[in-house]
């Protein structure tokens, strides 16, 4: 069995980098949470987390009081998160376009969207290879523009770790970012 430390170490570098920007008030949604690696990371940062997936057995087994598991059909006819709001929304390795435009609507003012999944060109490296599960060039930037989100960071890149893949990822804020981001200079 993995320790909580191992689960956090396994979290996406992108999520680890931008999770500290999520405001402390309100809860965070970990959509299509899988085994809960990001839910555990977010809870370790002091957030209350709603971890949503088709199978929440792994999340429930964590027995973390900061993580609430919710079983839901994320690809059904009805959007299971109607009228809910979060200080952060985290999505990794998951894409279901019919509900994509609903994600920014879940954010409170100052809320952070952290999204990372496979992109066009990934078929060269294996699965997913179905275009329905691969972001098109600039698709997350277009989502941010349509939704009035301000982009903090964006990449559409090839990664060789943990396995070769084409990945698109974004961190964006609804409204104004609370606090400030320290400038980093090369050295």
C-alpha atoms as a PDB file:
ATOM      1  CA  UNK A   1       0.000   0.000   0.000  1.00  0.00           C
ATOM      2  CA  UNK A   2       1.239   3.491  -0.872  1.00  0.00           C
ATOM      3  CA  UNK A   3       1.890   5.976   1.897  1.00  0.00           C
ATOM      4  CA  UNK A   4       0.413   9.466   1.732  1.00  0.00           C
ATOM      5  CA  UNK A   5       3.910  10.741   0.963  1.00  0.00           C
ATOM      6  CA  UNK A   6       4.146   8.382  -2.030  1.00  0.00           C
ATOM      7  CA  UNK A   7       0.746   9.532  -3.300  1.00  0.00           C
ATOM      8  CA  UNK A   8       1.768  13.197  -3.098  1.00  0.00           C
ATOM      9  CA  UNK A   9       5.109  12.495  -4.789  1.00  0.00           C
ATOM     10  CA  UNK A  10       3.138  10.842  -7.619  1.00  0.00           C
ATOM     11  CA  UNK A  11       1.073  14.011  -8.156  1.00  0.00           C
ATOM     12  CA  UNK A  12       1.495  15.944 -11.387  1.00  0.00           C
ATOM     13  CA  UNK A  13       4.333  18.467 -11.347  1.00  0.00           C
ATOM     14  CA  UNK A  14       1.946  20.966 -12.979  1.00  0.00           C
ATOM     15  CA  UNK A  15      -0.615  20.541 -10.202  1.00  0.00           C
ATOM     16  CA  UNK A  16       2.070  20.728  -7.500  1.00  0.00           C
ATOM     17  CA  UNK A  17       3.383  23.949  -9.051  1.00  0.00           C
ATOM     18  CA  UNK A  18       0.050  25.787  -9.188  1.00  0.00           C
ATOM     19  CA  UNK A  19      -2.013  24.281  -6.329  1.00  0.00           C
ATOM     20  CA  UNK A  20      -0.578  26.851  -3.861  1.00  0.00           C
ATOM     21  CA  UNK A  21      -2.404  29.576  -5.852  1.00  0.00           C
ATOM     22  CA  UNK A  22      -5.823  28.141  -4.959  1.00  0.00           C
ATOM     23  CA  UNK A  23      -7.511  30.379  -2.378  1.00  0.00           C
ATOM     24  CA  UNK A  24      -7.831  28.858   1.089  1.00  0.00           C
ATOM     25  CA  UNK A  25     -11.511  29.684   1.472  1.00  0.00           C
ATOM     26  CA  UNK A  26     -13.970  27.345  -0.202  1.00  0.00           C
ATOM     27  CA  UNK A  27     -13.415  23.792  -1.324  1.00  0.00           C
ATOM     28  CA  UNK A  28     -11.543  22.331  -4.287  1.00  0.00           C
ATOM     29  CA  UNK A  29     -12.947  19.954  -6.880  1.00  0.00           C
ATOM     30  CA  UNK A  30     -10.739  17.079  -8.042  1.00  0.00           C
ATOM     31  CA  UNK A  31     -12.689  15.978 -11.122  1.00  0.00           C
ATOM     32  CA  UNK A  32     -12.148  12.427 -12.413  1.00  0.00           C
ATOM     33  CA  UNK A  33      -9.941  11.980  -9.363  1.00  0.00           C
ATOM     34  CA  UNK A  34      -8.887   8.373  -9.967  1.00  0.00           C
ATOM     35  CA  UNK A  35      -6.818   7.063  -7.063  1.00  0.00           C
ATOM     36  CA  UNK A  36      -6.780  10.468  -5.370  1.00  0.00           C
ATOM     37  CA  UNK A  37      -3.181  11.594  -5.822  1.00  0.00           C
ATOM     38  CA  UNK A  38      -4.269  15.206  -6.319  1.00  0.00           C
ATOM     39  CA  UNK A  39      -6.976  15.066  -3.656  1.00  0.00           C
ATOM     40  CA  UNK A  40      -4.320  14.037  -1.132  1.00  0.00           C
ATOM     41  CA  UNK A  41      -1.983  16.804  -2.283  1.00  0.00           C
ATOM     42  CA  UNK A  42      -4.733  19.422  -2.041  1.00  0.00           C
ATOM     43  CA  UNK A  43      -5.828  18.185   1.393  1.00  0.00           C
ATOM     44  CA  UNK A  44      -2.196  18.350   2.568  1.00  0.00           C
ATOM     45  CA  UNK A  45      -2.235  22.037   1.585  1.00  0.00           C
ATOM     46  CA  UNK A  46      -5.219  22.594   3.898  1.00  0.00           C
ATOM     47  CA  UNK A  47      -8.055  22.443   1.363  1.00  0.00           C
ATOM     48  CA  UNK A  48     -11.334  20.632   1.763  1.00  0.00           C
ATOM     49  CA  UNK A  49     -11.645  18.526  -1.389  1.00  0.00           C
ATOM     50  CA  UNK A  50     -14.596  17.083  -3.275  1.00  0.00           C
ATOM     51  CA  UNK A  51     -13.164  14.084  -5.137  1.00  0.00           C
ATOM     52  CA  UNK A  52     -15.485  12.999  -7.948  1.00  0.00           C
ATOM     53  CA  UNK A  53     -15.226   9.905 -10.137  1.00  0.00           C
ATOM     54  CA  UNK A  54     -17.201   6.876 -11.350  1.00  0.00           C
ATOM     55  CA  UNK A  55     -15.372   4.686  -8.844  1.00  0.00           C
ATOM     56  CA  UNK A  56     -14.458   6.314  -5.543  1.00  0.00           C
ATOM     57  CA  UNK A  57     -13.334   3.188  -3.708  1.00  0.00           C
ATOM     58  CA  UNK A  58      -9.692   4.289  -3.614  1.00  0.00           C
ATOM     59  CA  UNK A  59     -10.650   7.733  -2.278  1.00  0.00           C
ATOM     60  CA  UNK A  60     -12.916   6.314   0.402  1.00  0.00           C
ATOM     61  CA  UNK A  61     -10.137   3.950   1.495  1.00  0.00           C
ATOM     62  CA  UNK A  62      -7.924   6.975   2.256  1.00  0.00           C
ATOM     63  CA  UNK A  63     -10.267   7.954   5.109  1.00  0.00           C
ATOM     64  CA  UNK A  64      -9.025  11.533   4.969  1.00  0.00           C
ATOM     65  CA  UNK A  65     -11.417  13.893   6.791  1.00  0.00           C
ATOM     66  CA  UNK A  66     -10.579  16.709   4.349  1.00  0.00           C
ATOM     67  CA  UNK A  67     -11.599  14.622   1.306  1.00  0.00           C
ATOM     68  CA  UNK A  68     -15.241  13.936   0.501  1.00  0.00           C
ATOM     69  CA  UNK A  69     -15.779  11.295  -2.191  1.00  0.00           C
ATOM     70  CA  UNK A  70     -18.700  11.604  -4.605  1.00  0.00           C
ATOM     71  CA  UNK A  71     -19.517   8.862  -7.072  1.00  0.00           C
ATOM     72  CA  UNK A  72     -20.886  10.343 -10.299  1.00  0.00           C
ATOM     73  CA  UNK A  73     -21.321   9.532 -13.969  1.00  0.00           C
ATOM     74  CA  UNK A  74     -19.176  12.285 -15.490  1.00  0.00           C
ATOM     75  CA  UNK A  75     -20.238  11.389 -19.025  1.00  0.00           C
ATOM     76  CA  UNK A  76     -23.965  11.042 -18.511  1.00  0.00           C
ATOM     77  CA  UNK A  77     -26.746  13.189 -19.873  1.00  0.00           C
ATOM     78  CA  UNK A  78     -26.870  15.436 -16.807  1.00  0.00           C
ATOM     79  CA  UNK A  79     -23.981  17.405 -15.336  1.00  0.00           C
ATOM     80  CA  UNK A  80     -23.606  16.045 -11.774  1.00  0.00           C
ATOM     81  CA  UNK A  81     -22.156  19.238 -10.260  1.00  0.00           C
ATOM     82  CA  UNK A  82     -24.972  21.674 -11.038  1.00  0.00           C
ATOM     83  CA  UNK A  83     -24.979  24.881  -8.953  1.00  0.00           C
ATOM     84  CA  UNK A  84     -21.775  24.084  -7.046  1.00  0.00           C
ATOM     85  CA  UNK A  85     -18.854  26.482  -6.701  1.00  0.00           C
ATOM     86  CA  UNK A  86     -15.221  25.906  -5.818  1.00  0.00           C
ATOM     87  CA  UNK A  87     -12.104  27.918  -5.065  1.00  0.00           C
ATOM     88  CA  UNK A  88     -10.221  25.526  -7.342  1.00  0.00           C
ATOM     89  CA  UNK A  89     -10.919  22.919 -10.006  1.00  0.00           C
ATOM     90  CA  UNK A  90      -8.252  20.329 -10.814  1.00  0.00           C
ATOM     91  CA  UNK A  91      -8.524  17.961 -13.787  1.00  0.00           C
ATOM     92  CA  UNK A  92      -5.771  15.670 -15.063  1.00  0.00           C
ATOM     93  CA  UNK A  93      -5.698  12.931 -17.681  1.00  0.00           C
ATOM     94  CA  UNK A  94      -9.384  13.356 -18.467  1.00  0.00           C
ATOM     95  CA  UNK A  95     -11.381  15.012 -21.240  1.00  0.00           C
ATOM     96  CA  UNK A  96     -15.107  14.964 -21.893  1.00  0.00           C
ATOM     97  CA  UNK A  97     -15.920  17.858 -24.220  1.00  0.00           C
ATOM     98  CA  UNK A  98     -19.710  18.027 -23.660  1.00  0.00           C
ATOM     99  CA  UNK A  99     -19.064  19.344 -20.127  1.00  0.00           C
ATOM    100  CA  UNK A 100     -15.760  21.174 -20.726  1.00  0.00           C
ATOM    101  CA  UNK A 101     -17.349  24.646 -20.875  1.00  0.00           C
ATOM    102  CA  UNK A 102     -19.078  24.036 -17.536  1.00  0.00           C
ATOM    103  CA  UNK A 103     -15.794  23.806 -15.607  1.00  0.00           C
ATOM    104  CA  UNK A 104     -15.029  27.568 -15.479  1.00  0.00           C
ATOM    105  CA  UNK A 105     -18.607  28.170 -14.279  1.00  0.00           C
ATOM    106  CA  UNK A 106     -17.789  26.140 -11.170  1.00  0.00           C
ATOM    107  CA  UNK A 107     -15.152  28.638 -10.050  1.00  0.00           C
ATOM    108  CA  UNK A 108     -15.780  31.292  -7.416  1.00  0.00           C
ATOM    109  CA  UNK A 109     -14.310  34.735  -8.045  1.00  0.00           C
ATOM    110  CA  UNK A 110     -10.538  34.375  -7.715  1.00  0.00           C
ATOM    111  CA  UNK A 111     -10.818  30.607  -8.225  1.00  0.00           C
ATOM    112  CA  UNK A 112      -8.110  28.659 -10.021  1.00  0.00           C
ATOM    113  CA  UNK A 113      -8.520  26.133 -12.844  1.00  0.00           C
ATOM    114  CA  UNK A 114      -5.662  23.653 -13.176  1.00  0.00           C
ATOM    115  CA  UNK A 115      -6.140  21.377 -16.174  1.00  0.00           C
ATOM    116  CA  UNK A 116      -3.684  18.925 -17.713  1.00  0.00           C
ATOM    117  CA  UNK A 117      -4.385  16.142 -20.196  1.00  0.00           C
ATOM    118  CA  UNK A 118      -3.244  14.495 -23.381  1.00  0.00           C
ATOM    119  CA  UNK A 119      -3.065  16.508 -26.588  1.00  0.00           C
ATOM    120  CA  UNK A 120      -3.154  16.073 -30.338  1.00  0.00           C
ATOM    121  CA  UNK A 121      -0.170  14.001 -31.439  1.00  0.00           C
ATOM    122  CA  UNK A 122      -0.270  11.635 -28.459  1.00  0.00           C
ATOM    123  CA  UNK A 123      -1.321   8.704 -30.684  1.00  0.00           C
ATOM    124  CA  UNK A 124       2.317   8.495 -31.791  1.00  0.00           C
ATOM    125  CA  UNK A 125       3.221   7.413 -28.251  1.00  0.00           C
ATOM    126  CA  UNK A 126       0.283   5.125 -27.430  1.00  0.00           C
ATOM    127  CA  UNK A 127      -2.987   5.628 -25.595  1.00  0.00           C
ATOM    128  CA  UNK A 128      -5.023   7.645 -25.516  1.00  0.00           C
ATOM    129  CA  UNK A 129      -5.038   7.820 -29.287  1.00  0.00           C
ATOM    130  CA  UNK A 130      -8.728   8.511 -29.944  1.00  0.00           C
ATOM    131  CA  UNK A 131      -9.129  12.188 -31.021  1.00  0.00           C
ATOM    132  CA  UNK A 132     -12.165  12.433 -28.695  1.00  0.00           C
ATOM    133  CA  UNK A 133      -9.747  12.175 -25.756  1.00  0.00           C
ATOM    134  CA  UNK A 134      -7.002  14.457 -27.093  1.00  0.00           C
ATOM    135  CA  UNK A 135      -7.043  18.235 -26.812  1.00  0.00           C
ATOM    136  CA  UNK A 136      -6.784  20.113 -30.088  1.00  0.00           C
ATOM    137  CA  UNK A 137      -4.041  22.749 -30.457  1.00  0.00           C
ATOM    138  CA  UNK A 138      -4.929  25.757 -28.285  1.00  0.00           C
ATOM    139  CA  UNK A 139      -8.145  24.168 -26.999  1.00  0.00           C
ATOM    140  CA  UNK A 140      -7.512  25.074 -23.352  1.00  0.00           C
ATOM    141  CA  UNK A 141      -6.551  28.633 -24.341  1.00  0.00           C
ATOM    142  CA  UNK A 142      -9.824  28.888 -26.270  1.00  0.00           C
ATOM    143  CA  UNK A 143     -11.727  27.614 -23.215  1.00  0.00           C
ATOM    144  CA  UNK A 144     -10.113  30.297 -21.060  1.00  0.00           C
ATOM    145  CA  UNK A 145     -10.901  33.013 -23.628  1.00  0.00           C
ATOM    146  CA  UNK A 146     -14.562  31.921 -24.000  1.00  0.00           C
ATOM    147  CA  UNK A 147     -14.961  31.836 -20.231  1.00  0.00           C
ATOM    148  CA  UNK A 148     -13.216  35.099 -19.385  1.00  0.00           C
ATOM    149  CA  UNK A 149     -10.462  33.344 -17.435  1.00  0.00           C
ATOM    150  CA  UNK A 150      -7.043  34.950 -17.171  1.00  0.00           C
ATOM    151  CA  UNK A 151      -4.226  32.595 -18.110  1.00  0.00           C
ATOM    152  CA  UNK A 152      -1.430  32.304 -15.569  1.00  0.00           C
ATOM    153  CA  UNK A 153       0.473  29.587 -17.430  1.00  0.00           C
ATOM    154  CA  UNK A 154      -0.068  27.382 -20.478  1.00  0.00           C
ATOM    155  CA  UNK A 155       1.897  24.663 -22.242  1.00  0.00           C
ATOM    156  CA  UNK A 156       1.272  22.416 -25.233  1.00  0.00           C
ATOM    157  CA  UNK A 157       4.342  20.201 -25.142  1.00  0.00           C
ATOM    158  CA  UNK A 158       5.999  16.829 -25.463  1.00  0.00           C
ATOM    159  CA  UNK A 159       6.878  15.196 -22.139  1.00  0.00           C
ATOM    160  CA  UNK A 160       9.125  12.190 -21.710  1.00  0.00           C
ATOM    161  CA  UNK A 161       8.247  11.546 -18.033  1.00  0.00           C
ATOM    162  CA  UNK A 162       6.478   9.626 -16.592  1.00  0.00           C
ATOM    163  CA  UNK A 163       6.058   8.259 -20.148  1.00  0.00           C
ATOM    164  CA  UNK A 164       6.375   9.861 -23.586  1.00  0.00           C
ATOM    165  CA  UNK A 165       3.248  11.931 -24.292  1.00  0.00           C
ATOM    166  CA  UNK A 166       1.884  15.069 -25.880  1.00  0.00           C
ATOM    167  CA  UNK A 167       0.280  17.150 -23.152  1.00  0.00           C
ATOM    168  CA  UNK A 168      -1.630  20.398 -22.972  1.00  0.00           C
ATOM    169  CA  UNK A 169      -2.039  22.146 -19.638  1.00  0.00           C
ATOM    170  CA  UNK A 170      -3.285  25.416 -18.261  1.00  0.00           C
ATOM    171  CA  UNK A 171      -3.553  27.300 -15.011  1.00  0.00           C
ATOM    172  CA  UNK A 172      -6.081  30.131 -15.159  1.00  0.00           C
ATOM    173  CA  UNK A 173      -7.937  32.347 -12.715  1.00  0.00           C
ATOM    174  CA  UNK A 174     -11.504  33.644 -12.703  1.00  0.00           C
ATOM    175  CA  UNK A 175     -11.292  37.374 -12.127  1.00  0.00           C
ATOM    176  CA  UNK A 176      -8.333  38.554 -10.099  1.00  0.00           C
ATOM    177  CA  UNK A 177      -5.719  36.371  -8.510  1.00  0.00           C
ATOM    178  CA  UNK A 178      -5.749  36.756  -4.731  1.00  0.00           C
ATOM    179  CA  UNK A 179      -2.321  37.649  -3.440  1.00  0.00           C
ATOM    180  CA  UNK A 180       0.524  37.899  -5.896  1.00  0.00           C
ATOM    181  CA  UNK A 181       2.855  35.639  -7.787  1.00  0.00           C
ATOM    182  CA  UNK A 182       6.520  36.310  -7.027  1.00  0.00           C
ATOM    183  CA  UNK A 183       8.582  37.073 -10.086  1.00  0.00           C
ATOM    184  CA  UNK A 184      11.238  34.566 -10.968  1.00  0.00           C
ATOM    185  CA  UNK A 185      14.363  35.637 -12.795  1.00  0.00           C
ATOM    186  CA  UNK A 186      16.772  33.380 -14.608  1.00  0.00           C
ATOM    187  CA  UNK A 187      20.167  33.145 -13.088  1.00  0.00           C
END
